[in-house]
Amino acid sequence: MSPQPAQLEALVAILDHGTFDAAARALHVTPSAVSQRIRALESAAGQVLVRRTTPCRPTAAGEALVRLARQTRLLYDEARAALTPDGGAIALPVAVNADSLASWFLDVLAAASEWDRVALRLHVEDQAYSADLLRRGDALAAVTSDPTAVQGCSVEPLGVLRYLPVAAPGFAERWRRGGRPDWARMPVLVFNDRDSLQHDLLRRRGVDSPAVVHHVPSSTEFHEAVRLGLGWSLLPLPQLGSDVEDGRLVLLHGRDHVDVPLFWQRWRLDSPTLDRLTDTVRTAARAHLRR
């Protein structure tokens, strides 16, 4: 089969916007035109590519074409930018975990602020799941904890993001038992249901189920909630800054830490924009992550 650019564009628009009608509005065409493009694409593929749910979701075959569509869009955007001075922005969808985004990845954003006509589209996902966005075609590159390259991607180690168990001084004092933290009874903060770092540390200490678990799904507010004494948690070393030295937070146990190896995965494309992003990510990782 030879998918047409307009068909691939319609497929991505449906998945980005959730419905055929919303895709039609985004593409400035009629819903009938979008339906015709998808029917023609599915006829050529010989199988269903879009699940007509709310919102619409791709089938496994559809995911393969979404990857092709996003890669093709990047190459078209780069060609248009090279040929036309005001040809629009180059869209660059990237997956990154919240802790990286709140700490070392900020250097990448600072560098990208100097790039002309490049539009970063960040997908915030746990590092253990960000590779899924590559498989689905939602991202062209990702910070991930998965060292196994997604098919069609290259992978390279970035370094280790170290997490330390910390709490507000008053909280730590309140929950001491025999001079040590009462791990089983202390309230704990997690980012969301996928955040297993704290539970992994507790299991190492023989605690299967903490008494109170708070969910704070925002990196800035998460950090502030620990400072305010809502609970203890593991915070990435680059995000801690001077909190421990200045006494705003204390280490619950000097030897405890969790190291998460991070990797950079990107699609194998001959893309100057993706190459530039990769170089920038490497530089930021060298400056902040442990080797």
C-alpha atoms as a PDB file:
ATOM      1  CA  MET A   1       0.000   0.000   0.000  1.00  0.00           C
ATOM      2  CA  SER A   2       1.037   3.623  -0.594  1.00  0.00           C
ATOM      3  CA  PRO A   3      -0.709   5.917   1.925  1.00  0.00           C
ATOM      4  CA  GLN A   4      -1.422   9.404   0.647  1.00  0.00           C
ATOM      5  CA  PRO A   5      -0.244  12.386   2.749  1.00  0.00           C
ATOM      6  CA  ALA A   6      -3.815  13.671   3.112  1.00  0.00           C
ATOM      7  CA  GLN A   7      -4.925  10.266   4.423  1.00  0.00           C
ATOM      8  CA  LEU A   8      -2.131  10.122   6.991  1.00  0.00           C
ATOM      9  CA  GLU A   9      -2.865  13.713   8.008  1.00  0.00           C
ATOM     10  CA  ALA A  10      -6.512  12.798   8.604  1.00  0.00           C
ATOM     11  CA  LEU A  11      -5.526   9.763  10.688  1.00  0.00           C
ATOM     12  CA  VAL A  12      -3.283  11.826  12.972  1.00  0.00           C
ATOM     13  CA  ALA A  13      -5.865  14.596  13.273  1.00  0.00           C
ATOM     14  CA  ILE A  14      -8.538  12.117  14.407  1.00  0.00           C
ATOM     15  CA  LEU A  15      -6.286  10.686  17.094  1.00  0.00           C
ATOM     16  CA  ASP A  16      -5.009  14.096  18.195  1.00  0.00           C
ATOM     17  CA  HIS A  17      -8.473  15.622  18.468  1.00  0.00           C
ATOM     18  CA  GLY A  18     -10.507  12.561  19.447  1.00  0.00           C
ATOM     19  CA  THR A  19     -13.310  12.538  16.865  1.00  0.00           C
ATOM     20  CA  PHE A  20     -13.863  12.712  13.118  1.00  0.00           C
ATOM     21  CA  ASP A  21     -15.756  15.998  13.473  1.00  0.00           C
ATOM     22  CA  ALA A  22     -12.983  17.604  15.539  1.00  0.00           C
ATOM     23  CA  ALA A  23     -10.397  16.402  13.030  1.00  0.00           C
ATOM     24  CA  ALA A  24     -12.419  17.957  10.207  1.00  0.00           C
ATOM     25  CA  ARG A  25     -12.479  21.305  12.015  1.00  0.00           C
ATOM     26  CA  ALA A  26      -8.716  21.155  12.596  1.00  0.00           C
ATOM     27  CA  LEU A  27      -8.056  20.333   8.934  1.00  0.00           C
ATOM     28  CA  HIS A  28     -10.656  22.860   7.641  1.00  0.00           C
ATOM     29  CA  VAL A  29     -12.478  20.184   5.629  1.00  0.00           C
ATOM     30  CA  THR A  30     -15.852  18.493   5.994  1.00  0.00           C
ATOM     31  CA  PRO A  31     -16.391  15.445   8.252  1.00  0.00           C
ATOM     32  CA  SER A  32     -17.359  13.552   5.106  1.00  0.00           C
ATOM     33  CA  ALA A  33     -13.946  14.277   3.592  1.00  0.00           C
ATOM     34  CA  VAL A  34     -12.193  12.944   6.707  1.00  0.00           C
ATOM     35  CA  SER A  35     -14.351   9.796   6.664  1.00  0.00           C
ATOM     36  CA  GLN A  36     -13.598   9.213   2.982  1.00  0.00           C
ATOM     37  CA  ARG A  37      -9.842   9.517   3.563  1.00  0.00           C
ATOM     38  CA  ILE A  38      -9.919   7.030   6.441  1.00  0.00           C
ATOM     39  CA  ARG A  39     -12.121   4.567   4.534  1.00  0.00           C
ATOM     40  CA  ALA A  40      -9.722   4.722   1.594  1.00  0.00           C
ATOM     41  CA  LEU A  41      -6.746   4.214   3.903  1.00  0.00           C
ATOM     42  CA  GLU A  42      -8.414   1.260   5.645  1.00  0.00           C
ATOM     43  CA  SER A  43      -9.394  -0.236   2.288  1.00  0.00           C
ATOM     44  CA  ALA A  44      -5.787  -0.030   1.109  1.00  0.00           C
ATOM     45  CA  ALA A  45      -4.548  -1.542   4.381  1.00  0.00           C
ATOM     46  CA  GLY A  46      -7.212  -4.254   4.321  1.00  0.00           C
ATOM     47  CA  GLN A  47      -8.065  -3.747   8.006  1.00  0.00           C
ATOM     48  CA  VAL A  48      -9.550  -1.347  10.504  1.00  0.00           C
ATOM     49  CA  LEU A  49      -7.125   1.380  11.574  1.00  0.00           C
ATOM     50  CA  VAL A  50      -9.284   3.504  13.902  1.00  0.00           C
ATOM     51  CA  ARG A  51     -11.526   2.309  16.707  1.00  0.00           C
ATOM     52  CA  ARG A  52     -14.662   4.447  16.550  1.00  0.00           C
ATOM     53  CA  THR A  53     -14.781   5.031  20.305  1.00  0.00           C
ATOM     54  CA  THR A  54     -14.949   8.303  22.235  1.00  0.00           C
ATOM     55  CA  PRO A  55     -12.235   9.394  21.924  1.00  0.00           C
ATOM     56  CA  CYS A  56     -11.091   7.488  18.855  1.00  0.00           C
ATOM     57  CA  ARG A  57      -8.163   5.106  19.339  1.00  0.00           C
ATOM     58  CA  PRO A  58      -5.829   3.456  16.827  1.00  0.00           C
ATOM     59  CA  THR A  59      -5.702  -0.280  16.282  1.00  0.00           C
ATOM     60  CA  ALA A  60      -2.281  -1.981  16.274  1.00  0.00           C
ATOM     61  CA  ALA A  61      -2.112  -1.508  12.508  1.00  0.00           C
ATOM     62  CA  GLY A  62      -3.225   2.081  12.937  1.00  0.00           C
ATOM     63  CA  GLU A  63      -0.356   2.748  15.363  1.00  0.00           C
ATOM     64  CA  ALA A  64       2.147   1.719  12.674  1.00  0.00           C
ATOM     65  CA  LEU A  65       0.656   4.269  10.280  1.00  0.00           C
ATOM     66  CA  VAL A  66       0.543   6.949  12.982  1.00  0.00           C
ATOM     67  CA  ARG A  67       4.292   6.496  13.437  1.00  0.00           C
ATOM     68  CA  LEU A  68       4.771   6.864   9.687  1.00  0.00           C
ATOM     69  CA  ALA A  69       2.512   9.918   9.624  1.00  0.00           C
ATOM     70  CA  ARG A  70       4.361  11.755  12.406  1.00  0.00           C
ATOM     71  CA  GLN A  71       7.754  10.959  10.932  1.00  0.00           C
ATOM     72  CA  THR A  72       6.553  12.118   7.518  1.00  0.00           C
ATOM     73  CA  ARG A  73       5.138  15.306   9.028  1.00  0.00           C
ATOM     74  CA  LEU A  74       8.495  16.134  10.649  1.00  0.00           C
ATOM     75  CA  LEU A  75      10.340  15.678   7.344  1.00  0.00           C
ATOM     76  CA  TYR A  76       7.742  17.718   5.453  1.00  0.00           C
ATOM     77  CA  ASP A  77       7.897  20.470   8.088  1.00  0.00           C
ATOM     78  CA  GLU A  78      11.693  20.619   7.830  1.00  0.00           C
ATOM     79  CA  ALA A  79      11.573  20.768   4.037  1.00  0.00           C
ATOM     80  CA  ARG A  80       8.933  23.518   4.113  1.00  0.00           C
ATOM     81  CA  ALA A  81      10.960  25.507   6.661  1.00  0.00           C
ATOM     82  CA  ALA A  82      14.036  25.252   4.434  1.00  0.00           C
ATOM     83  CA  LEU A  83      12.166  26.359   1.322  1.00  0.00           C
ATOM     84  CA  THR A  84       9.776  28.930   2.768  1.00  0.00           C
ATOM     85  CA  PRO A  85      10.924  31.571   5.289  1.00  0.00           C
ATOM     86  CA  ASP A  86       7.430  31.845   6.816  1.00  0.00           C
ATOM     87  CA  GLY A  87       6.377  28.244   6.241  1.00  0.00           C
ATOM     88  CA  GLY A  88       5.218  27.566   9.783  1.00  0.00           C
ATOM     89  CA  ALA A  89       6.690  25.741  12.773  1.00  0.00           C
ATOM     90  CA  ILE A  90       8.298  22.298  12.921  1.00  0.00           C
ATOM     91  CA  ALA A  91       6.304  20.209  15.407  1.00  0.00           C
ATOM     92  CA  LEU A  92       8.440  17.984  17.630  1.00  0.00           C
ATOM     93  CA  PRO A  93       6.486  15.632  19.950  1.00  0.00           C
ATOM     94  CA  VAL A  94       8.656  14.415  22.844  1.00  0.00           C
ATOM     95  CA  ALA A  95       7.873  12.252  25.883  1.00  0.00           C
ATOM     96  CA  VAL A  96       9.545  13.093  29.193  1.00  0.00           C
ATOM     97  CA  ASN A  97       8.851  12.083  32.789  1.00  0.00           C
ATOM     98  CA  ALA A  98       7.630  14.754  35.206  1.00  0.00           C
ATOM     99  CA  ASP A  99      10.685  14.591  37.494  1.00  0.00           C
ATOM    100  CA  SER A 100      13.066  15.170  34.604  1.00  0.00           C
ATOM    101  CA  LEU A 101      10.891  17.973  33.268  1.00  0.00           C
ATOM    102  CA  ALA A 102      10.956  19.680  36.667  1.00  0.00           C
ATOM    103  CA  SER A 103      14.733  19.405  37.014  1.00  0.00           C
ATOM    104  CA  TRP A 104      17.469  18.687  34.462  1.00  0.00           C
ATOM    105  CA  PHE A 105      15.267  18.796  31.337  1.00  0.00           C
ATOM    106  CA  LEU A 106      14.669  22.502  32.005  1.00  0.00           C
ATOM    107  CA  ASP A 107      18.070  23.075  30.381  1.00  0.00           C
ATOM    108  CA  VAL A 108      16.629  21.578  27.188  1.00  0.00           C
ATOM    109  CA  LEU A 109      13.679  23.979  27.305  1.00  0.00           C
ATOM    110  CA  ALA A 110      16.032  26.903  27.846  1.00  0.00           C
ATOM    111  CA  ALA A 111      18.074  25.923  24.798  1.00  0.00           C
ATOM    112  CA  ALA A 112      14.948  25.345  22.696  1.00  0.00           C
ATOM    113  CA  SER A 113      13.774  28.863  23.477  1.00  0.00           C
ATOM    114  CA  GLU A 114      16.505  30.079  21.113  1.00  0.00           C
ATOM    115  CA  TRP A 115      15.411  27.857  18.214  1.00  0.00           C
ATOM    116  CA  ASP A 116      13.422  29.477  15.454  1.00  0.00           C
ATOM    117  CA  ARG A 117      10.224  27.802  14.239  1.00  0.00           C
ATOM    118  CA  VAL A 118      10.466  24.648  16.356  1.00  0.00           C
ATOM    119  CA  ALA A 119       7.385  23.801  18.424  1.00  0.00           C
ATOM    120  CA  LEU A 120       8.045  21.308  21.225  1.00  0.00           C
ATOM    121  CA  ARG A 121       5.006  19.212  22.119  1.00  0.00           C
ATOM    122  CA  LEU A 122       5.776  17.547  25.408  1.00  0.00           C
ATOM    123  CA  HIS A 123       3.979  14.439  26.629  1.00  0.00           C
ATOM    124  CA  VAL A 124       4.507  14.043  30.387  1.00  0.00           C
ATOM    125  CA  GLU A 125       4.617  10.354  31.277  1.00  0.00           C
ATOM    126  CA  ASP A 126       6.348   8.163  33.850  1.00  0.00           C
ATOM    127  CA  GLN A 127       9.797   7.073  32.635  1.00  0.00           C
ATOM    128  CA  ALA A 128       8.716   3.427  32.808  1.00  0.00           C
ATOM    129  CA  TYR A 129       5.876   4.077  30.345  1.00  0.00           C
ATOM    130  CA  SER A 130       7.184   6.802  28.018  1.00  0.00           C
ATOM    131  CA  ALA A 131       8.477   4.214  25.521  1.00  0.00           C
ATOM    132  CA  ASP A 132       4.827   3.301  24.904  1.00  0.00           C
ATOM    133  CA  LEU A 133       4.350   6.745  23.348  1.00  0.00           C
ATOM    134  CA  LEU A 134       7.107   5.912  20.862  1.00  0.00           C
ATOM    135  CA  ARG A 135       5.442   2.610  19.987  1.00  0.00           C
ATOM    136  CA  ARG A 136       2.097   4.322  19.429  1.00  0.00           C
ATOM    137  CA  GLY A 137       3.653   7.051  17.322  1.00  0.00           C
ATOM    138  CA  ASP A 138       2.640   9.810  19.755  1.00  0.00           C
ATOM    139  CA  ALA A 139       6.278  10.852  20.251  1.00  0.00           C
ATOM    140  CA  LEU A 140       9.346  10.949  18.027  1.00  0.00           C
ATOM    141  CA  ALA A 141      11.739  10.829  20.998  1.00  0.00           C
ATOM    142  CA  ALA A 142      11.494  10.028  24.693  1.00  0.00           C
ATOM    143  CA  VAL A 143      13.289  10.022  28.030  1.00  0.00           C
ATOM    144  CA  THR A 144      12.690   6.515  29.319  1.00  0.00           C
ATOM    145  CA  SER A 145      13.949   3.966  31.828  1.00  0.00           C
ATOM    146  CA  ASP A 146      13.697   1.212  29.196  1.00  0.00           C
ATOM    147  CA  PRO A 147      17.150   0.276  27.798  1.00  0.00           C
ATOM    148  CA  THR A 148      15.609  -1.842  25.026  1.00  0.00           C
ATOM    149  CA  ALA A 149      15.122   0.151  21.854  1.00  0.00           C
ATOM    150  CA  VAL A 150      11.619   0.361  20.445  1.00  0.00           C
ATOM    151  CA  GLN A 151      11.593  -1.085  16.937  1.00  0.00           C
ATOM    152  CA  GLY A 152      12.761   1.621  14.550  1.00  0.00           C
ATOM    153  CA  CYS A 153      14.436   3.649  17.305  1.00  0.00           C
ATOM    154  CA  SER A 154      17.969   4.127  18.580  1.00  0.00           C
ATOM    155  CA  VAL A 155      18.706   4.177  22.314  1.00  0.00           C
ATOM    156  CA  GLU A 156      21.550   5.628  24.369  1.00  0.00           C
ATOM    157  CA  PRO A 157      22.155   5.972  28.127  1.00  0.00           C
ATOM    158  CA  LEU A 158      21.785   9.453  29.589  1.00  0.00           C
ATOM    159  CA  GLY A 159      22.837   8.789  33.169  1.00  0.00           C
ATOM    160  CA  VAL A 160      21.263   8.091  36.529  1.00  0.00           C
ATOM    161  CA  LEU A 161      18.665  10.253  38.246  1.00  0.00           C
ATOM    162  CA  ARG A 162      19.177   9.858  41.990  1.00  0.00           C
ATOM    163  CA  TYR A 163      16.241  10.194  44.392  1.00  0.00           C
ATOM    164  CA  LEU A 164      16.582  10.883  48.130  1.00  0.00           C
ATOM    165  CA  PRO A 165      13.939  10.237  50.848  1.00  0.00           C
ATOM    166  CA  VAL A 166      13.162  13.591  52.416  1.00  0.00           C
ATOM    167  CA  ALA A 167      10.582  15.287  54.608  1.00  0.00           C
ATOM    168  CA  ALA A 168       9.944  18.589  56.349  1.00  0.00           C
ATOM    169  CA  PRO A 169      11.866  18.841  59.659  1.00  0.00           C
ATOM    170  CA  GLY A 170       8.691  18.980  61.784  1.00  0.00           C
ATOM    171  CA  PHE A 171       7.179  16.012  59.960  1.00  0.00           C
ATOM    172  CA  ALA A 172      10.345  13.946  60.395  1.00  0.00           C
ATOM    173  CA  GLU A 173      10.449  14.698  64.116  1.00  0.00           C
ATOM    174  CA  ARG A 174       6.775  13.861  64.576  1.00  0.00           C
ATOM    175  CA  TRP A 175       7.106  10.457  62.926  1.00  0.00           C
ATOM    176  CA  ARG A 176      10.236   9.242  64.660  1.00  0.00           C
ATOM    177  CA  ARG A 177      10.068   6.066  66.692  1.00  0.00           C
ATOM    178  CA  GLY A 178      13.050   5.030  68.745  1.00  0.00           C
ATOM    179  CA  GLY A 179      15.103   7.702  67.016  1.00  0.00           C
ATOM    180  CA  ARG A 180      14.304   6.319  63.540  1.00  0.00           C
ATOM    181  CA  PRO A 181      11.625   7.089  60.930  1.00  0.00           C
ATOM    182  CA  ASP A 182       8.434   5.091  61.422  1.00  0.00           C
ATOM    183  CA  TRP A 183       8.237   3.945  57.801  1.00  0.00           C
ATOM    184  CA  ALA A 184       5.068   1.891  58.276  1.00  0.00           C
ATOM    185  CA  ARG A 185       2.994   4.736  59.754  1.00  0.00           C
ATOM    186  CA  MET A 186       4.399   7.858  58.069  1.00  0.00           C
ATOM    187  CA  PRO A 187       2.133   9.359  55.389  1.00  0.00           C
ATOM    188  CA  VAL A 188       3.803   9.146  51.985  1.00  0.00           C
ATOM    189  CA  LEU A 189       3.393  11.208  48.809  1.00  0.00           C
ATOM    190  CA  VAL A 190       3.255   9.645  45.345  1.00  0.00           C
ATOM    191  CA  PHE A 191       2.808  11.375  42.006  1.00  0.00           C
ATOM    192  CA  ASN A 192       0.087   9.038  40.713  1.00  0.00           C
ATOM    193  CA  ASP A 193      -0.851   5.348  40.591  1.00  0.00           C
ATOM    194  CA  ARG A 194       2.111   4.615  38.304  1.00  0.00           C
ATOM    195  CA  ASP A 195       4.647   6.105  40.709  1.00  0.00           C
ATOM    196  CA  SER A 196       6.128   3.057  42.454  1.00  0.00           C
ATOM    197  CA  LEU A 197       9.422   4.520  43.701  1.00  0.00           C
ATOM    198  CA  GLN A 198       8.273   5.127  47.262  1.00  0.00           C
ATOM    199  CA  HIS A 199       6.615   1.725  47.560  1.00  0.00           C
ATOM    200  CA  ASP A 200       9.756   0.033  46.236  1.00  0.00           C
ATOM    201  CA  LEU A 201      11.816   1.711  48.951  1.00  0.00           C
ATOM    202  CA  LEU A 202       9.288   0.748  51.621  1.00  0.00           C
ATOM    203  CA  ARG A 203       9.320  -2.889  50.527  1.00  0.00           C
ATOM    204  CA  ARG A 204      13.089  -2.869  50.963  1.00  0.00           C
ATOM    205  CA  ARG A 205      12.354  -1.869  54.545  1.00  0.00           C
ATOM    206  CA  GLY A 206       9.743  -4.579  55.051  1.00  0.00           C
ATOM    207  CA  VAL A 207       6.675  -2.351  54.610  1.00  0.00           C
ATOM    208  CA  ASP A 208       4.134  -3.632  52.096  1.00  0.00           C
ATOM    209  CA  SER A 209       1.365  -1.098  52.533  1.00  0.00           C
ATOM    210  CA  PRO A 210       1.857   2.372  54.069  1.00  0.00           C
ATOM    211  CA  ALA A 211      -0.979   3.646  56.244  1.00  0.00           C
ATOM    212  CA  VAL A 212      -1.632   6.897  54.312  1.00  0.00           C
ATOM    213  CA  VAL A 213      -0.763   7.606  50.669  1.00  0.00           C
ATOM    214  CA  HIS A 214      -1.318  11.095  49.234  1.00  0.00           C
ATOM    215  CA  HIS A 215      -1.505  11.632  45.461  1.00  0.00           C
ATOM    216  CA  VAL A 216      -0.150  14.960  44.160  1.00  0.00           C
ATOM    217  CA  PRO A 217       0.119  14.742  40.332  1.00  0.00           C
ATOM    218  CA  SER A 218       2.093  17.946  39.749  1.00  0.00           C
ATOM    219  CA  SER A 219       5.852  18.224  40.169  1.00  0.00           C
ATOM    220  CA  THR A 220       5.889  21.761  41.567  1.00  0.00           C
ATOM    221  CA  GLU A 221       3.039  21.166  44.005  1.00  0.00           C
ATOM    222  CA  PHE A 222       4.490  17.745  44.867  1.00  0.00           C
ATOM    223  CA  HIS A 223       7.756  19.337  45.968  1.00  0.00           C
ATOM    224  CA  GLU A 224       5.879  22.024  47.887  1.00  0.00           C
ATOM    225  CA  ALA A 225       3.641  19.444  49.576  1.00  0.00           C
ATOM    226  CA  VAL A 226       6.732  17.694  50.958  1.00  0.00           C
ATOM    227  CA  ARG A 227       8.032  21.039  52.220  1.00  0.00           C
ATOM    228  CA  LEU A 228       4.681  21.721  53.902  1.00  0.00           C
ATOM    229  CA  GLY A 229       4.815  18.412  55.782  1.00  0.00           C
ATOM    230  CA  LEU A 230       1.973  16.567  54.049  1.00  0.00           C
ATOM    231  CA  GLY A 231       4.159  13.468  53.840  1.00  0.00           C
ATOM    232  CA  TRP A 232       7.606  12.144  53.009  1.00  0.00           C
ATOM    233  CA  SER A 233       8.713  11.232  49.525  1.00  0.00           C
ATOM    234  CA  LEU A 234      11.621  10.595  47.199  1.00  0.00           C
ATOM    235  CA  LEU A 235      12.711  13.717  45.357  1.00  0.00           C
ATOM    236  CA  PRO A 236      15.238  13.859  42.509  1.00  0.00           C
ATOM    237  CA  LEU A 237      18.563  15.296  43.576  1.00  0.00           C
ATOM    238  CA  PRO A 238      18.602  18.058  40.901  1.00  0.00           C
ATOM    239  CA  GLN A 239      15.168  19.245  42.075  1.00  0.00           C
ATOM    240  CA  LEU A 240      16.152  19.407  45.754  1.00  0.00           C
ATOM    241  CA  GLY A 241      18.502  22.290  45.166  1.00  0.00           C
ATOM    242  CA  SER A 242      19.595  23.725  48.516  1.00  0.00           C
ATOM    243  CA  ASP A 243      16.548  22.516  50.474  1.00  0.00           C
ATOM    244  CA  VAL A 244      18.557  20.123  52.656  1.00  0.00           C
ATOM    245  CA  GLU A 245      21.466  22.533  53.211  1.00  0.00           C
ATOM    246  CA  ASP A 246      19.048  25.356  54.102  1.00  0.00           C
ATOM    247  CA  GLY A 247      17.032  23.160  56.470  1.00  0.00           C
ATOM    248  CA  ARG A 248      13.728  23.246  54.580  1.00  0.00           C
ATOM    249  CA  LEU A 249      13.934  19.469  54.182  1.00  0.00           C
ATOM    250  CA  VAL A 250      15.836  16.729  55.998  1.00  0.00           C
ATOM    251  CA  LEU A 251      17.094  13.346  54.833  1.00  0.00           C
ATOM    252  CA  LEU A 252      15.150  10.571  56.515  1.00  0.00           C
ATOM    253  CA  HIS A 253      18.085   8.196  56.241  1.00  0.00           C
ATOM    254  CA  GLY A 254      21.511   9.249  55.075  1.00  0.00           C
ATOM    255  CA  ARG A 255      22.275   6.042  53.190  1.00  0.00           C
ATOM    256  CA  ASP A 256      18.923   5.508  51.515  1.00  0.00           C
ATOM    257  CA  HIS A 257      18.515   6.484  47.896  1.00  0.00           C
ATOM    258  CA  VAL A 258      16.980   5.188  44.688  1.00  0.00           C
ATOM    259  CA  ASP A 259      18.869   5.421  41.387  1.00  0.00           C
ATOM    260  CA  VAL A 260      16.859   5.384  38.156  1.00  0.00           C
ATOM    261  CA  PRO A 261      18.889   4.926  34.947  1.00  0.00           C
ATOM    262  CA  LEU A 262      17.510   7.069  32.137  1.00  0.00           C
ATOM    263  CA  PHE A 263      17.822   6.527  28.399  1.00  0.00           C
ATOM    264  CA  TRP A 264      17.133   8.590  25.303  1.00  0.00           C
ATOM    265  CA  GLN A 265      15.208   6.871  22.560  1.00  0.00           C
ATOM    266  CA  ARG A 266      14.493   8.507  19.211  1.00  0.00           C
ATOM    267  CA  TRP A 267      13.266   7.408  15.845  1.00  0.00           C
ATOM    268  CA  ARG A 268      15.960   6.700  13.282  1.00  0.00           C
ATOM    269  CA  LEU A 269      15.273   9.625  10.987  1.00  0.00           C
ATOM    270  CA  ASP A 270      17.668  11.797   9.016  1.00  0.00           C
ATOM    271  CA  SER A 271      16.303  14.894  10.726  1.00  0.00           C
ATOM    272  CA  PRO A 272      18.412  17.964  11.614  1.00  0.00           C
ATOM    273  CA  THR A 273      15.786  19.047  14.157  1.00  0.00           C
ATOM    274  CA  LEU A 274      15.792  15.695  15.926  1.00  0.00           C
ATOM    275  CA  ASP A 275      19.613  15.627  15.829  1.00  0.00           C
ATOM    276  CA  ARG A 276      19.743  19.078  17.424  1.00  0.00           C
ATOM    277  CA  LEU A 277      17.338  18.034  20.153  1.00  0.00           C
ATOM    278  CA  THR A 278      19.378  14.896  20.845  1.00  0.00           C
ATOM    279  CA  ASP A 279      22.604  16.893  21.205  1.00  0.00           C
ATOM    280  CA  THR A 280      20.857  19.283  23.598  1.00  0.00           C
ATOM    281  CA  VAL A 281      19.482  16.429  25.719  1.00  0.00           C
ATOM    282  CA  ARG A 282      22.951  14.863  25.946  1.00  0.00           C
ATOM    283  CA  THR A 283      24.456  18.158  27.147  1.00  0.00           C
ATOM    284  CA  ALA A 284      21.774  18.657  29.811  1.00  0.00           C
ATOM    285  CA  ALA A 285      22.096  15.062  31.013  1.00  0.00           C
ATOM    286  CA  ARG A 286      25.884  15.348  31.342  1.00  0.00           C
ATOM    287  CA  ALA A 287      25.462  18.474  33.457  1.00  0.00           C
ATOM    288  CA  HIS A 288      22.932  17.066  35.925  1.00  0.00           C
ATOM    289  CA  LEU A 289      22.718  13.260  35.927  1.00  0.00           C
ATOM    290  CA  ARG A 290      25.092  10.868  37.641  1.00  0.00           C
ATOM    291  CA  ARG A 291      27.242   8.769  35.360  1.00  0.00           C
END
